[in-house]
């Protein structure tokens, strides 16, 4: 049993403490859902969580070239599908809208035909820049792409361990029944589906090992598949296949928290005011996609994906001051090690440049850095966790 002494309680913490007092220990998935997404109290509805004023950076915040290169892939997909009009791009968890803005800006004046067909819809739980305020995918379009960048790592998860040889779920309880009780881990019977998930991917935890399981993957992939009749679901995130994800060397799991550009492993602190994320278990993700009727058409690193879309030729024409930030996007020990997966639905499998098809050559001036991207030189702030810490 791990004890986390309480600090000054946040509104989200008060709500969760009252919930535990009312019903007893709750799953970590429920705790994470409230801490991140509660409509009035959750982290992702509380304000600007990205960039220097937030808690972490994402690839779109690093350099607008990220959006420009993805725009090239979207244009290629549109033409491979026969240039339908209109063509929809649905971006869930769009956050502050940076990726959407960079994609649109890169296409302006470069591909007016595609711009005329493009209908870009951003979805988010709270961000005022998003077109639709939604935590799900409440759309159905005839053709297009569902594009999700670093969404799955923030989905609520269950936590598991092994105690005396028995698989147990770590629920969230309190060390006493008073209003000042501290959150604690409580070993309990596993929620239905957890044991079956481990068995399905051939995973077996060792004594005392902690691991995470996302039981929401199947539902989310089914919603993504239902959002389009013909097209692709494209996902960018950091993760591992099941043998690596559940290896005994990851004895404490992959859960990480980010608060003011510092990393910790204490989800019971700063509740509702810090990010909670986990790596994505890719084997179950791919199984969920297949179960939703999707066909895998690409699985590669972010570095290889961007290079196939013209990263190297873009970098060659970029201002020298931008190159450190650009290199962050393809650093194999950092963002470049993220995975990019594509799944098709009702579409003829084609050779997409981001996944090993003929490489695209960048033509013209490179996108320039803008306010809100990484500090000059592309370096992380002093207290920010390294990408090696993030990925291990």
Protein backbone atom coordinates (compact mmCIF):
# COMPACT_ATOMS: atom_id res chain seq x y z
CA UNK A 1 0.00 0.00 0.00
CA UNK A 2 1.44 3.34 -1.08
CA UNK A 3 0.53 6.47 0.90
CA UNK A 4 0.38 9.90 -0.73
CA UNK A 5 0.05 12.63 1.89
CA UNK A 6 -2.48 15.28 0.95
CA UNK A 7 -1.54 18.86 0.12
CA UNK A 8 -3.96 21.77 -0.21
CA UNK A 9 -6.86 19.99 -1.93
CA UNK A 10 -7.90 20.96 -5.44
CA UNK A 11 -11.57 20.92 -6.51
CA UNK A 12 -10.97 17.73 -8.51
CA UNK A 13 -9.32 16.12 -5.49
CA UNK A 14 -12.25 17.04 -3.25
CA UNK A 15 -14.71 15.54 -5.74
CA UNK A 16 -12.72 12.31 -6.03
CA UNK A 17 -12.27 12.01 -2.27
CA UNK A 18 -16.02 12.31 -1.79
CA UNK A 19 -16.59 9.72 -4.49
CA UNK A 20 -14.30 7.23 -2.73
CA UNK A 21 -15.97 7.96 0.60
CA UNK A 22 -19.35 7.21 -0.97
CA UNK A 23 -18.59 4.02 -2.91
CA UNK A 24 -15.24 2.74 -1.69
CA UNK A 25 -12.08 2.31 -3.78
CA UNK A 26 -12.53 3.28 -7.44
CA UNK A 27 -10.60 2.19 -10.50
CA UNK A 28 -7.66 4.31 -11.54
CA UNK A 29 -9.46 4.75 -14.87
CA UNK A 30 -12.28 6.57 -13.08
CA UNK A 31 -9.78 8.64 -11.10
CA UNK A 32 -7.90 9.59 -14.27
CA UNK A 33 -11.11 10.40 -16.14
CA UNK A 34 -12.14 12.89 -13.46
CA UNK A 35 -8.67 14.34 -12.94
CA UNK A 36 -8.19 15.03 -16.66
CA UNK A 37 -11.65 15.46 -18.19
CA UNK A 38 -14.25 16.43 -15.59
CA UNK A 39 -16.25 19.21 -17.32
CA UNK A 40 -15.76 21.68 -14.53
CA UNK A 41 -12.60 20.52 -12.76
CA UNK A 42 -10.39 18.44 -15.05
CA UNK A 43 -6.89 19.28 -16.21
CA UNK A 44 -7.70 19.47 -19.91
CA UNK A 45 -10.55 21.90 -19.36
CA UNK A 46 -8.60 24.18 -17.03
CA UNK A 47 -6.69 26.31 -19.55
CA UNK A 48 -3.58 26.33 -21.73
CA UNK A 49 -1.63 23.17 -20.90
CA UNK A 50 0.83 23.35 -23.81
CA UNK A 51 4.04 25.27 -24.36
CA UNK A 52 6.04 27.50 -22.02
CA UNK A 53 2.98 28.58 -20.03
CA UNK A 54 1.71 25.03 -19.72
CA UNK A 55 3.28 21.76 -18.66
CA UNK A 56 4.70 20.10 -21.80
CA UNK A 57 5.40 20.43 -25.51
CA UNK A 58 3.98 18.43 -28.39
CA UNK A 59 5.31 18.12 -31.95
CA UNK A 60 3.05 20.89 -33.34
CA UNK A 61 4.44 23.21 -30.65
CA UNK A 62 7.99 22.37 -31.71
CA UNK A 63 7.88 23.68 -35.29
CA UNK A 64 5.19 24.37 -37.91
CA UNK A 65 7.00 22.02 -40.28
CA UNK A 66 5.29 19.15 -38.47
CA UNK A 67 1.89 20.35 -39.66
CA UNK A 68 3.22 21.21 -43.11
CA UNK A 69 4.53 17.69 -43.67
CA UNK A 70 1.31 16.09 -42.42
CA UNK A 71 -0.57 18.38 -44.83
CA UNK A 72 1.45 16.82 -47.66
CA UNK A 73 0.35 13.35 -46.52
CA UNK A 74 -3.29 14.42 -46.32
CA UNK A 75 -3.15 15.85 -49.84
CA UNK A 76 -1.69 12.58 -51.11
CA UNK A 77 -4.46 10.60 -49.38
CA UNK A 78 -7.08 12.88 -50.94
CA UNK A 79 -5.76 12.24 -54.43
CA UNK A 80 -5.39 8.50 -53.78
CA UNK A 81 -9.09 8.43 -52.88
CA UNK A 82 -9.99 10.06 -56.19
CA UNK A 83 -9.99 13.72 -55.06
CA UNK A 84 -13.47 13.67 -53.49
CA UNK A 85 -15.24 16.95 -52.76
CA UNK A 86 -15.55 17.69 -49.93
CA UNK A 87 -12.76 15.86 -48.13
CA UNK A 88 -12.94 15.74 -44.34
CA UNK A 89 -10.17 15.73 -41.76
CA UNK A 90 -11.37 15.11 -38.21
CA UNK A 91 -8.87 15.88 -35.47
CA UNK A 92 -9.95 14.73 -31.98
CA UNK A 93 -8.09 16.13 -28.96
CA UNK A 94 -7.08 19.12 -31.06
CA UNK A 95 -6.09 21.11 -27.97
CA UNK A 96 -5.16 24.69 -28.79
CA UNK A 97 -5.62 24.07 -32.53
CA UNK A 98 -1.94 24.45 -33.39
CA UNK A 99 -1.73 21.43 -35.68
CA UNK A 100 -4.87 22.40 -37.60
CA UNK A 101 -3.61 25.97 -38.01
CA UNK A 102 -0.23 24.83 -39.31
CA UNK A 103 -1.82 22.40 -41.76
CA UNK A 104 -4.09 25.08 -43.16
CA UNK A 105 -1.32 27.68 -43.31
CA UNK A 106 1.03 25.36 -45.18
CA UNK A 107 -1.60 24.60 -47.83
CA UNK A 108 -2.56 28.22 -48.45
CA UNK A 109 -1.10 29.18 -51.82
CA UNK A 110 0.57 25.80 -52.29
CA UNK A 111 -2.34 23.48 -53.10
CA UNK A 112 -5.46 25.57 -53.81
CA UNK A 113 -7.36 22.65 -55.33
CA UNK A 114 -6.98 20.57 -52.18
CA UNK A 115 -7.75 23.61 -50.02
CA UNK A 116 -11.06 23.99 -51.85
CA UNK A 117 -12.03 20.42 -51.00
CA UNK A 118 -10.73 20.35 -47.43
CA UNK A 119 -13.16 20.46 -44.52
CA UNK A 120 -11.13 20.37 -41.29
CA UNK A 121 -13.00 19.72 -38.05
CA UNK A 122 -11.25 20.07 -34.69
CA UNK A 123 -12.68 18.41 -31.58
CA UNK A 124 -11.64 18.90 -27.98
CA UNK A 125 -13.08 18.73 -24.49
CA UNK A 126 -12.62 22.42 -23.83
CA UNK A 127 -10.22 24.40 -26.00
CA UNK A 128 -11.93 27.56 -27.30
CA UNK A 129 -10.00 27.29 -30.57
CA UNK A 130 -11.55 23.91 -31.32
CA UNK A 131 -14.43 23.85 -33.76
CA UNK A 132 -16.51 21.37 -31.75
CA UNK A 133 -16.47 20.93 -27.99
CA UNK A 134 -16.60 17.17 -27.59
CA UNK A 135 -14.73 14.34 -25.91
CA UNK A 136 -15.85 11.81 -28.53
CA UNK A 137 -16.28 11.52 -32.29
CA UNK A 138 -19.88 12.64 -32.92
CA UNK A 139 -19.44 12.81 -36.70
CA UNK A 140 -20.04 10.62 -39.72
CA UNK A 141 -18.62 11.67 -43.07
CA UNK A 142 -18.44 9.89 -46.43
CA UNK A 143 -14.67 10.17 -46.80
CA UNK A 144 -11.63 11.57 -45.08
CA UNK A 145 -9.07 11.03 -42.34
CA UNK A 146 -9.34 10.80 -38.57
CA UNK A 147 -6.05 12.30 -37.39
CA UNK A 148 -5.07 11.96 -33.73
CA UNK A 149 -1.77 13.28 -32.40
CA UNK A 150 -0.91 12.24 -28.83
CA UNK A 151 -4.48 11.40 -27.91
CA UNK A 152 -4.29 7.76 -26.84
CA UNK A 153 -1.59 8.36 -24.22
CA UNK A 154 -4.07 10.46 -22.22
CA UNK A 155 -6.91 7.93 -22.24
CA UNK A 156 -7.89 6.59 -18.80
CA UNK A 157 -6.24 3.30 -17.86
CA UNK A 158 -6.50 0.61 -15.24
CA UNK A 159 -3.43 -0.29 -13.19
CA UNK A 160 -2.42 -3.87 -12.39
CA UNK A 161 0.12 -5.59 -10.21
CA UNK A 162 0.89 -9.06 -8.87
CA UNK A 163 0.61 -9.79 -5.14
CA UNK A 164 1.65 -13.23 -3.85
CA UNK A 165 1.42 -14.61 -7.35
CA UNK A 166 -2.12 -13.30 -7.96
CA UNK A 167 -3.05 -10.63 -10.49
CA UNK A 168 -4.57 -7.65 -8.69
CA UNK A 169 -5.95 -4.31 -9.77
CA UNK A 170 -4.67 -1.19 -8.06
CA UNK A 171 -7.72 0.87 -7.20
CA UNK A 172 -7.76 4.29 -5.56
CA UNK A 173 -8.77 4.42 -1.92
CA UNK A 174 -8.25 6.64 1.12
CA UNK A 175 -6.09 5.99 4.17
CA UNK A 176 -8.98 7.02 6.45
CA UNK A 177 -12.58 8.17 6.14
CA UNK A 178 -11.98 11.81 7.08
CA UNK A 179 -12.06 14.72 4.66
CA UNK A 180 -8.25 14.97 4.80
CA UNK A 181 -7.61 11.34 3.95
CA UNK A 182 -4.74 10.68 1.56
CA UNK A 183 -5.20 8.70 -1.66
CA UNK A 184 -3.70 5.22 -1.53
CA UNK A 185 -3.33 2.25 -3.88
CA UNK A 186 -5.64 -0.61 -2.88
CA UNK A 187 -5.06 -4.07 -4.37
CA UNK A 188 -8.42 -5.50 -5.47
CA UNK A 189 -10.02 -8.07 -7.74
CA UNK A 190 -9.39 -7.11 -11.40
CA UNK A 191 -12.14 -5.43 -13.37
CA UNK A 192 -13.64 -7.80 -15.98
CA UNK A 193 -11.61 -7.68 -19.17
CA UNK A 194 -8.21 -6.98 -17.64
CA UNK A 195 -7.08 -10.57 -17.23
CA UNK A 196 -8.40 -11.36 -20.70
CA UNK A 197 -6.48 -8.43 -22.21
CA UNK A 198 -3.18 -9.64 -20.80
CA UNK A 199 -3.89 -13.16 -21.97
CA UNK A 200 -4.78 -11.93 -25.47
CA UNK A 201 -1.38 -10.26 -25.93
CA UNK A 202 0.58 -13.01 -24.19
CA UNK A 203 1.65 -10.84 -21.26
CA UNK A 204 2.45 -12.13 -17.79
CA UNK A 205 3.45 -9.72 -15.02
CA UNK A 206 6.07 -10.52 -12.41
CA UNK A 207 5.65 -10.23 -8.65
CA UNK A 208 5.29 -6.57 -7.64
CA UNK A 209 5.39 -5.28 -11.22
CA UNK A 210 2.97 -2.45 -12.03
CA UNK A 211 1.44 -2.07 -15.49
CA UNK A 212 -1.37 -0.19 -17.21
CA UNK A 213 -4.21 -1.46 -19.40
CA UNK A 214 -6.44 0.74 -21.57
CA UNK A 215 -9.79 -1.00 -21.86
CA UNK A 216 -11.17 1.93 -23.86
CA UNK A 217 -9.13 1.23 -26.99
CA UNK A 218 -11.76 -0.98 -28.61
CA UNK A 219 -14.54 1.55 -28.11
CA UNK A 220 -12.43 4.44 -29.37
CA UNK A 221 -11.27 2.59 -32.47
CA UNK A 222 -14.85 1.56 -33.23
CA UNK A 223 -15.93 5.22 -33.00
CA UNK A 224 -13.05 6.31 -35.24
CA UNK A 225 -13.94 3.67 -37.82
CA UNK A 226 -17.61 4.67 -37.70
CA UNK A 227 -16.74 8.32 -38.33
CA UNK A 228 -15.80 7.68 -41.97
CA UNK A 229 -17.16 5.50 -44.75
CA UNK A 230 -13.95 5.59 -46.78
CA UNK A 231 -10.54 6.79 -45.71
CA UNK A 232 -7.96 6.39 -43.00
CA UNK A 233 -7.41 6.62 -39.28
CA UNK A 234 -3.92 8.01 -38.58
CA UNK A 235 -2.47 7.94 -35.07
CA UNK A 236 0.74 9.47 -33.70
CA UNK A 237 1.83 8.59 -30.18
CA UNK A 238 4.59 7.07 -28.08
CA UNK A 239 4.24 3.41 -27.29
CA UNK A 240 5.50 -0.15 -27.52
CA UNK A 241 4.37 -3.57 -28.67
CA UNK A 242 3.08 -5.79 -25.85
CA UNK A 243 6.26 -7.85 -25.21
CA UNK A 244 8.21 -4.66 -24.58
CA UNK A 245 5.36 -2.81 -22.86
CA UNK A 246 4.84 -5.55 -20.27
CA UNK A 247 8.48 -6.58 -19.90
CA UNK A 248 9.64 -7.00 -16.31
CA UNK A 249 12.21 -4.25 -16.84
CA UNK A 250 9.30 -1.78 -16.75
CA UNK A 251 8.65 -2.69 -13.14
CA UNK A 252 6.87 0.59 -12.34
CA UNK A 253 4.82 0.80 -15.53
CA UNK A 254 4.77 3.70 -17.96
CA UNK A 255 2.57 6.19 -16.10
CA UNK A 256 4.07 9.69 -15.99
CA UNK A 257 2.77 13.03 -14.74
CA UNK A 258 3.78 16.52 -15.92
CA UNK A 259 3.46 19.64 -13.83
CA UNK A 260 5.09 22.95 -14.81
CA UNK A 261 7.57 21.20 -17.08
CA UNK A 262 8.71 18.73 -14.47
CA UNK A 263 8.02 15.01 -14.56
CA UNK A 264 6.89 12.90 -11.63
CA UNK A 265 5.24 9.54 -11.03
CA UNK A 266 2.73 10.71 -8.41
CA UNK A 267 -0.77 10.94 -9.90
CA UNK A 268 -2.27 11.69 -6.48
CA UNK A 269 -0.59 15.10 -6.31
CA UNK A 270 -1.81 18.28 -8.05
CA UNK A 271 -5.02 16.42 -8.95
CA UNK A 272 -6.72 18.21 -11.82
CA UNK A 273 -3.72 20.49 -12.30
CA UNK A 274 -1.18 18.13 -13.83
CA UNK A 275 -1.10 15.91 -16.88
CA UNK A 276 -1.31 12.14 -16.43
CA UNK A 277 -0.22 10.01 -19.35
CA UNK A 278 0.86 6.48 -20.19
CA UNK A 279 2.59 4.92 -23.14
CA UNK A 280 0.35 3.23 -25.69
CA UNK A 281 0.31 -0.55 -25.86
CA UNK A 282 0.40 -0.96 -29.63
CA UNK A 283 -0.42 -4.66 -29.93
CA UNK A 284 -3.86 -4.13 -28.38
CA UNK A 285 -4.32 -0.98 -30.44
CA UNK A 286 -3.76 -2.88 -33.67
CA UNK A 287 -6.08 -5.67 -32.50
CA UNK A 288 -8.75 -3.06 -31.71
CA UNK A 289 -8.37 -1.58 -35.18
CA UNK A 290 -8.82 -4.97 -36.80
CA UNK A 291 -11.87 -5.61 -34.64
CA UNK A 292 -13.36 -2.33 -35.87
CA UNK A 293 -13.00 -3.42 -39.49
CA UNK A 294 -9.90 -1.37 -40.25
CA UNK A 295 -6.92 -2.58 -42.27
CA UNK A 296 -3.43 -1.66 -41.15
CA UNK A 297 -1.61 0.14 -43.98
CA UNK A 298 1.32 1.73 -42.17
CA UNK A 299 3.36 1.48 -38.97
CA UNK A 300 6.59 3.41 -38.67
CA UNK A 301 8.52 5.87 -36.53
CA UNK A 302 7.77 9.59 -36.61
CA UNK A 303 11.28 10.18 -37.96
CA UNK A 304 10.74 7.83 -40.91
CA UNK A 305 7.24 9.18 -41.48
CA UNK A 306 8.37 12.81 -41.70
CA UNK A 307 11.39 11.96 -43.85
CA UNK A 308 9.14 10.18 -46.33
CA UNK A 309 7.11 13.37 -46.57
CA UNK A 310 10.11 15.54 -47.44
CA UNK A 311 11.61 16.48 -44.09
CA UNK A 312 15.22 16.46 -45.31
CA UNK A 313 14.58 18.67 -48.32
CA UNK A 314 12.47 20.99 -46.15
CA UNK A 315 15.24 21.24 -43.58
CA UNK A 316 17.73 22.11 -46.32
CA UNK A 317 15.81 25.30 -47.18
CA UNK A 318 14.92 26.20 -43.56
CA UNK A 319 16.60 29.14 -41.78
CA UNK A 320 19.63 27.93 -39.82
CA UNK A 321 18.02 29.11 -36.58
CA UNK A 322 15.13 26.70 -37.11
CA UNK A 323 17.17 23.57 -37.62
CA UNK A 324 17.62 22.58 -33.99
CA UNK A 325 13.85 22.65 -33.48
CA UNK A 326 13.36 20.71 -36.71
CA UNK A 327 15.85 18.08 -35.60
CA UNK A 328 13.84 17.60 -32.42
CA UNK A 329 11.00 16.24 -34.55
CA UNK A 330 13.15 13.39 -35.93
CA UNK A 331 15.45 12.70 -32.98
CA UNK A 332 15.29 8.89 -32.63
CA UNK A 333 15.76 9.21 -28.86
CA UNK A 334 12.90 11.69 -28.63
CA UNK A 335 9.92 12.65 -30.77
CA UNK A 336 11.37 10.83 -33.75
CA UNK A 337 10.87 7.59 -31.82
CA UNK A 338 7.11 8.10 -31.57
CA UNK A 339 5.03 5.66 -33.63
CA UNK A 340 2.81 6.63 -36.54
CA UNK A 341 0.13 4.12 -37.53
CA UNK A 342 -2.41 4.26 -40.34
CA UNK A 343 -5.50 2.09 -40.79
CA UNK A 344 -7.70 2.10 -43.87
CA UNK A 345 -11.43 1.65 -44.26
CA UNK A 346 -13.07 1.00 -47.59
CA UNK A 347 -10.03 2.41 -49.36
CA UNK A 348 -7.71 0.74 -51.80
CA UNK A 349 -4.38 0.26 -50.07
CA UNK A 350 -1.93 2.65 -51.62
CA UNK A 351 1.73 3.44 -51.06
CA UNK A 352 1.64 6.47 -48.81
CA UNK A 353 4.88 8.45 -48.72
CA UNK A 354 4.95 8.60 -44.95
CA UNK A 355 4.95 4.80 -44.76
CA UNK A 356 7.61 3.83 -47.28
CA UNK A 357 6.01 4.98 -50.52
CA UNK A 358 7.83 7.25 -52.99
CA UNK A 359 9.33 10.12 -51.01
CA UNK A 360 7.95 13.63 -51.47
CA UNK A 361 10.37 16.46 -52.25
CA UNK A 362 9.67 19.73 -50.48
CA UNK A 363 9.50 22.67 -52.85
CA UNK A 364 9.70 26.34 -51.89
CA UNK A 365 10.39 28.13 -48.63
CA UNK A 366 10.17 26.20 -45.37
CA UNK A 367 7.59 27.19 -42.75
CA UNK A 368 9.00 29.62 -40.21
CA UNK A 369 8.98 29.22 -36.44
CA UNK A 370 6.22 31.19 -34.75
CA UNK A 371 5.44 32.25 -31.19
CA UNK A 372 4.40 29.34 -29.05
CA UNK A 373 6.89 26.87 -30.44
CA UNK A 374 10.06 25.75 -28.68
CA UNK A 375 12.43 28.37 -27.26
CA UNK A 376 15.25 29.59 -29.57
CA UNK A 377 17.51 26.75 -30.62
CA UNK A 378 14.83 24.14 -30.08
CA UNK A 379 16.10 23.27 -26.61
CA UNK A 380 13.81 22.07 -23.88
CA UNK A 381 13.43 24.27 -20.81
CA UNK A 382 15.88 23.42 -17.98
CA UNK A 383 13.39 21.57 -15.76
CA UNK A 384 11.56 19.79 -18.56
CA UNK A 385 12.01 15.97 -18.62
CA UNK A 386 14.24 14.67 -21.37
CA UNK A 387 12.70 12.72 -24.21
CA UNK A 388 14.76 9.71 -23.08
CA UNK A 389 12.93 9.88 -19.75
CA UNK A 390 9.61 10.15 -21.57
CA UNK A 391 10.19 7.16 -23.83
CA UNK A 392 11.84 4.68 -21.50
